[in-house]
Protein backbone atom coordinates (compact mmCIF):
# COMPACT_ATOMS: atom_id res chain seq x y z
CA MET A 1 0.08 -0.26 -0.18
CA PRO A 2 1.88 3.52 -0.40
CA GLN A 3 2.32 5.97 1.87
CA THR A 4 1.05 9.59 1.08
CA MET A 5 2.69 12.28 2.94
CA ASN A 6 0.80 15.82 3.36
CA HIS A 7 3.73 18.61 3.97
CA PRO A 8 1.20 21.96 4.88
CA THR A 9 1.89 24.61 2.13
CA ASP A 10 4.64 27.28 3.09
CA THR A 11 1.82 30.13 2.28
CA SER A 12 4.85 33.01 3.81
CA THR A 13 5.93 33.41 -0.35
CA SER A 14 1.80 33.71 -1.77
CA LEU A 15 0.85 37.12 -2.01
CA PRO A 16 -2.58 38.00 -2.03
CA ARG A 17 -4.42 39.26 -5.35
CA GLY A 18 -3.74 42.39 -6.23
CA ASP A 19 0.12 42.00 -4.77
CA GLU A 20 2.09 40.58 -7.67
CA GLY A 21 3.74 44.06 -8.43
CA ARG A 22 5.46 42.92 -5.63
CA ARG A 23 6.76 40.31 -7.20
CA PHE A 24 9.67 39.72 -9.64
CA GLU A 25 12.26 37.74 -11.42
CA VAL A 26 15.62 38.55 -11.61
CA ARG A 27 18.84 36.83 -12.73
CA SER A 28 22.30 35.69 -12.04
CA VAL A 29 25.01 36.41 -13.55
CA THR A 30 25.26 32.54 -14.10
CA GLY A 31 21.72 32.64 -15.52
CA ALA A 32 19.67 30.84 -12.45
CA CYS A 33 16.61 32.56 -11.74
CA TYR A 34 14.82 33.88 -9.21
CA THR A 35 11.28 36.03 -8.25
CA LEU A 36 12.29 38.72 -5.56
CA VAL A 37 9.11 39.43 -3.26
CA GLU A 38 9.37 43.20 -1.69
CA GLU A 39 8.01 43.47 1.45
CA ALA A 40 7.48 47.64 3.07
CA ASP A 41 8.51 48.27 5.94
CA VAL A 42 6.32 50.94 8.45
CA ASP A 43 6.75 52.36 11.50
CA GLU A 44 4.68 52.31 14.00
CA ALA A 45 1.98 54.87 12.62
CA GLY A 46 1.81 52.52 9.67
CA ARG A 47 3.65 54.61 7.27
CA SER A 48 5.67 53.14 4.75
CA VAL A 49 9.58 53.62 5.54
CA GLY A 50 11.40 51.53 3.35
CA SER A 51 11.29 47.69 1.45
CA ARG A 52 13.38 44.67 2.23
CA TYR A 53 13.51 42.16 -0.37
CA ARG A 54 13.69 38.52 0.67
CA THR A 55 13.98 35.48 -2.10
CA ALA A 56 10.51 33.95 -2.85
CA TYR A 57 11.41 30.48 -2.85
CA ALA A 58 13.95 29.88 0.10
CA GLY A 59 12.98 33.28 1.84
CA LEU A 60 16.58 34.58 1.79
CA PRO A 61 17.15 38.06 2.22
CA VAL A 62 18.25 40.36 -0.24
CA VAL A 63 19.76 44.29 -0.60
CA ALA A 64 19.12 46.29 -3.09
CA ASN A 65 22.39 47.83 -4.38
CA ASP A 66 22.25 51.67 -5.58
CA ASP A 67 23.54 50.87 -8.90
CA GLY A 68 19.89 48.34 -9.66
CA THR A 69 20.86 45.40 -9.17
CA PHE A 70 20.37 42.87 -5.61
CA THR A 71 22.70 40.69 -3.96
CA ILE A 72 20.89 37.44 -1.77
CA VAL A 73 22.94 38.58 1.62
CA ASP A 74 24.17 34.83 2.49
CA THR A 75 25.92 33.79 -1.18
CA HIS A 76 26.47 37.10 -2.34
CA THR A 77 25.33 36.45 -5.46
CA ARG A 78 24.61 39.47 -7.85
CA LEU A 79 21.05 39.58 -9.69
CA VAL A 80 19.77 41.32 -12.27
CA ARG A 81 15.92 42.61 -12.74
CA VAL A 82 14.11 40.52 -16.21
CA GLY A 83 11.53 42.48 -17.82
CA PRO A 84 9.81 45.14 -17.17
CA ARG A 85 10.13 47.42 -14.53
């Protein structure tokens, strides 16, 4: 009799409808593709004070660079945006 494994769905990478603009594709110099998620930082009053980024699948922290590229913090992998902004 085959065994089935039930794994809970990771909803932390799923954004509600209407938030698709907060996800975008990037690519490393080696050709690896990633989806980044932009998360707004808010102050105590609920006002947006900046943005944080992470990879959609593994949740790795990503920083935005001054030249418009991104870097995965843990691996120092440099990423460039793919497609329209």
